[in-house]
Amino acid sequence: MARQRRGLLHDLDDLYVEYWGMEGNLDYQIGMLEKRKLYQQAGKKLVSLYAREKPRLREALRGKLARFAKLDDRAPGP
């Protein structure tokens, strides 16, 4: 009997997190657009994080992941 996957991991299948750290660089931005297009064409979910979010990275990531999965707010953080 196959094990049933459930919970957060199941909700986040095919989800990728990219940290875009060089937004001010034109060549980098072109690469970002190309890479986003590839994710979209492949039907993958993408969470984008940016250097400007670094001071509040935990909150930014949590908010963006919440768009794809129901997160338990009671879960302790490190």
N, C-alpha and C. Protein backbone atom coordinates (compact mmCIF):
# COMPACT_ATOMS: atom_id res chain seq x y z
N MET A 1 0.85 -1.17 0.00
CA MET A 1 0.00 0.00 0.00
C MET A 1 0.90 1.24 0.00
N ALA A 2 0.61 2.16 -0.89
CA ALA A 2 1.40 3.39 -0.99
C ALA A 2 1.07 4.32 0.17
N ARG A 3 2.10 4.96 0.69
CA ARG A 3 1.89 5.93 1.76
C ARG A 3 1.31 7.21 1.19
N GLN A 4 0.34 7.74 1.84
CA GLN A 4 -0.29 8.97 1.40
C GLN A 4 0.51 10.15 1.91
N ARG A 5 0.85 11.07 1.02
CA ARG A 5 1.54 12.29 1.41
C ARG A 5 0.52 13.33 1.77
N ARG A 6 0.79 14.06 2.83
CA ARG A 6 -0.16 15.08 3.23
C ARG A 6 0.56 16.20 3.96
N GLY A 7 -0.17 17.24 4.24
CA GLY A 7 0.39 18.34 4.99
C GLY A 7 1.19 19.29 4.12
N LEU A 8 2.08 20.04 4.77
CA LEU A 8 2.83 21.10 4.13
C LEU A 8 3.64 20.61 2.94
N LEU A 9 4.34 19.49 3.10
CA LEU A 9 5.18 19.01 2.00
C LEU A 9 4.36 18.71 0.76
N HIS A 10 3.19 18.13 0.95
CA HIS A 10 2.34 17.84 -0.20
C HIS A 10 1.87 19.13 -0.88
N ASP A 11 1.50 20.10 -0.06
CA ASP A 11 1.01 21.37 -0.60
C ASP A 11 2.10 22.13 -1.35
N LEU A 12 3.35 21.84 -1.05
CA LEU A 12 4.45 22.59 -1.65
C LEU A 12 5.19 21.82 -2.73
N ASP A 13 4.59 20.75 -3.25
CA ASP A 13 5.20 20.03 -4.37
C ASP A 13 5.44 21.00 -5.52
N ASP A 14 6.54 20.83 -6.18
CA ASP A 14 6.89 21.66 -7.34
C ASP A 14 6.98 23.15 -7.00
N LEU A 15 7.38 23.45 -5.79
CA LEU A 15 7.57 24.84 -5.39
C LEU A 15 9.07 25.10 -5.25
N TYR A 16 9.51 26.17 -5.82
CA TYR A 16 10.92 26.53 -5.79
C TYR A 16 11.07 27.92 -5.19
N VAL A 17 12.14 28.11 -4.44
CA VAL A 17 12.44 29.40 -3.83
C VAL A 17 13.70 29.94 -4.47
N GLU A 18 13.62 31.14 -4.98
CA GLU A 18 14.77 31.81 -5.59
C GLU A 18 15.06 33.09 -4.81
N TYR A 19 16.31 33.27 -4.50
CA TYR A 19 16.76 34.52 -3.88
C TYR A 19 17.44 35.34 -4.97
N TRP A 20 16.83 36.45 -5.32
CA TRP A 20 17.35 37.33 -6.36
C TRP A 20 18.13 38.44 -5.66
N GLY A 21 19.43 38.32 -5.61
CA GLY A 21 20.23 39.23 -4.81
C GLY A 21 20.91 40.36 -5.56
N MET A 22 20.76 40.42 -6.88
CA MET A 22 21.47 41.46 -7.65
C MET A 22 20.51 42.19 -8.57
N GLU A 23 19.43 42.70 -8.02
CA GLU A 23 18.39 43.33 -8.83
C GLU A 23 18.86 44.52 -9.66
N GLY A 24 19.87 45.23 -9.22
CA GLY A 24 20.31 46.43 -9.92
C GLY A 24 21.13 46.15 -11.17
N ASN A 25 21.47 44.91 -11.44
CA ASN A 25 22.31 44.53 -12.56
C ASN A 25 21.43 44.13 -13.74
N LEU A 26 21.55 44.84 -14.88
CA LEU A 26 20.68 44.60 -16.02
C LEU A 26 20.78 43.17 -16.55
N ASP A 27 21.99 42.65 -16.70
CA ASP A 27 22.15 41.28 -17.19
C ASP A 27 21.50 40.28 -16.23
N TYR A 28 21.64 40.53 -14.95
CA TYR A 28 21.04 39.67 -13.93
C TYR A 28 19.52 39.71 -14.04
N GLN A 29 18.97 40.91 -14.24
CA GLN A 29 17.52 41.04 -14.36
C GLN A 29 16.99 40.31 -15.59
N ILE A 30 17.73 40.35 -16.68
CA ILE A 30 17.33 39.61 -17.88
C ILE A 30 17.32 38.11 -17.57
N GLY A 31 18.35 37.65 -16.87
CA GLY A 31 18.41 36.24 -16.47
C GLY A 31 17.26 35.86 -15.56
N MET A 32 16.88 36.78 -14.66
CA MET A 32 15.74 36.55 -13.77
C MET A 32 14.47 36.32 -14.59
N LEU A 33 14.25 37.20 -15.55
CA LEU A 33 13.04 37.08 -16.38
C LEU A 33 13.03 35.77 -17.15
N GLU A 34 14.18 35.40 -17.70
CA GLU A 34 14.26 34.15 -18.44
C GLU A 34 13.99 32.95 -17.54
N LYS A 35 14.56 32.98 -16.35
CA LYS A 35 14.38 31.88 -15.42
C LYS A 35 12.92 31.79 -14.94
N ARG A 36 12.30 32.93 -14.67
CA ARG A 36 10.89 32.94 -14.28
C ARG A 36 10.01 32.33 -15.38
N LYS A 37 10.35 32.67 -16.60
CA LYS A 37 9.59 32.13 -17.74
C LYS A 37 9.72 30.61 -17.79
N LEU A 38 10.90 30.09 -17.52
CA LEU A 38 11.11 28.64 -17.52
C LEU A 38 10.28 27.98 -16.42
N TYR A 39 10.27 28.57 -15.24
CA TYR A 39 9.44 28.03 -14.16
C TYR A 39 7.98 27.99 -14.58
N GLN A 40 7.52 29.07 -15.17
CA GLN A 40 6.11 29.16 -15.58
C GLN A 40 5.80 28.13 -16.66
N GLN A 41 6.66 28.01 -17.65
CA GLN A 41 6.44 27.05 -18.73
C GLN A 41 6.41 25.61 -18.22
N ALA A 42 7.19 25.34 -17.19
CA ALA A 42 7.25 23.99 -16.61
C ALA A 42 6.13 23.75 -15.60
N GLY A 43 5.31 24.76 -15.34
CA GLY A 43 4.21 24.62 -14.40
C GLY A 43 4.66 24.55 -12.95
N LYS A 44 5.81 25.12 -12.66
CA LYS A 44 6.35 25.13 -11.30
C LYS A 44 5.91 26.38 -10.56
N LYS A 45 5.77 26.25 -9.26
CA LYS A 45 5.44 27.39 -8.40
C LYS A 45 6.76 28.04 -7.98
N LEU A 46 6.79 29.34 -7.98
CA LEU A 46 8.01 30.06 -7.64
C LEU A 46 7.74 31.09 -6.56
N VAL A 47 8.57 31.05 -5.54
CA VAL A 47 8.58 32.07 -4.50
C VAL A 47 9.86 32.87 -4.72
N SER A 48 9.72 34.15 -4.94
CA SER A 48 10.87 35.02 -5.16
C SER A 48 11.16 35.84 -3.92
N LEU A 49 12.40 35.82 -3.51
CA LEU A 49 12.86 36.64 -2.39
C LEU A 49 13.92 37.60 -2.91
N TYR A 50 13.94 38.80 -2.35
CA TYR A 50 14.82 39.84 -2.85
C TYR A 50 15.72 40.38 -1.73
N ALA A 51 16.83 40.96 -2.11
CA ALA A 51 17.78 41.51 -1.14
C ALA A 51 17.11 42.51 -0.21
N ARG A 52 16.19 43.28 -0.71
CA ARG A 52 15.52 44.29 0.13
C ARG A 52 14.67 43.64 1.23
N GLU A 53 14.37 42.35 1.10
CA GLU A 53 13.59 41.64 2.11
C GLU A 53 14.47 40.97 3.16
N LYS A 54 15.77 41.03 2.98
CA LYS A 54 16.69 40.32 3.86
C LYS A 54 16.51 40.67 5.34
N PRO A 55 16.29 41.94 5.72
CA PRO A 55 16.12 42.25 7.14
C PRO A 55 14.91 41.56 7.77
N ARG A 56 13.92 41.24 6.98
CA ARG A 56 12.72 40.56 7.49
C ARG A 56 12.44 39.30 6.68
N LEU A 57 13.49 38.55 6.40
CA LEU A 57 13.41 37.39 5.52
C LEU A 57 12.42 36.34 6.02
N ARG A 58 12.45 36.04 7.31
CA ARG A 58 11.54 35.03 7.86
C ARG A 58 10.08 35.40 7.58
N GLU A 59 9.73 36.64 7.85
CA GLU A 59 8.34 37.07 7.65
C GLU A 59 7.99 37.08 6.16
N ALA A 60 8.91 37.53 5.33
CA ALA A 60 8.66 37.57 3.89
C ALA A 60 8.44 36.16 3.35
N LEU A 61 9.29 35.23 3.74
CA LEU A 61 9.16 33.86 3.26
C LEU A 61 7.87 33.22 3.76
N ARG A 62 7.57 33.43 5.01
CA ARG A 62 6.34 32.87 5.58
C ARG A 62 5.11 33.39 4.84
N GLY A 63 5.07 34.68 4.58
CA GLY A 63 3.92 35.26 3.88
C GLY A 63 3.79 34.72 2.46
N LYS A 64 4.91 34.56 1.79
CA LYS A 64 4.87 34.07 0.41
C LYS A 64 4.52 32.59 0.34
N LEU A 65 5.03 31.80 1.28
CA LEU A 65 4.69 30.38 1.31
C LEU A 65 3.22 30.17 1.64
N ALA A 66 2.65 31.08 2.44
CA ALA A 66 1.25 30.97 2.81
C ALA A 66 0.33 31.05 1.60
N ARG A 67 0.80 31.63 0.52
CA ARG A 67 -0.01 31.68 -0.70
C ARG A 67 -0.20 30.30 -1.31
N PHE A 68 0.71 29.39 -1.00
CA PHE A 68 0.70 28.07 -1.61
C PHE A 68 0.26 26.96 -0.65
N ALA A 69 0.35 27.20 0.64
CA ALA A 69 0.03 26.16 1.62
C ALA A 69 -0.51 26.79 2.89
N LYS A 70 -1.33 26.04 3.57
CA LYS A 70 -1.84 26.49 4.86
C LYS A 70 -0.74 26.26 5.89
N LEU A 71 -0.23 27.35 6.47
CA LEU A 71 0.84 27.24 7.45
C LEU A 71 0.28 27.34 8.84
N ASP A 72 0.84 26.58 9.76
CA ASP A 72 0.43 26.60 11.14
C ASP A 72 1.14 27.75 11.85
N ASP A 73 0.40 28.76 12.25
CA ASP A 73 1.00 29.92 12.93
C ASP A 73 1.54 29.57 14.31
N ARG A 74 1.14 28.43 14.82
CA ARG A 74 1.62 28.04 16.15
C ARG A 74 2.99 27.37 16.09
N ALA A 75 3.47 27.08 14.89
CA ALA A 75 4.76 26.39 14.76
C ALA A 75 5.86 27.28 15.31
N PRO A 76 6.70 26.73 16.17
CA PRO A 76 7.78 27.54 16.75
C PRO A 76 8.84 27.87 15.71
N GLY A 77 9.42 29.01 15.83
CA GLY A 77 10.53 29.41 14.95
C GLY A 77 11.83 29.29 15.69
N PRO A 78 12.93 29.13 14.97
CA PRO A 78 14.23 29.02 15.64
C PRO A 78 14.67 30.31 16.28
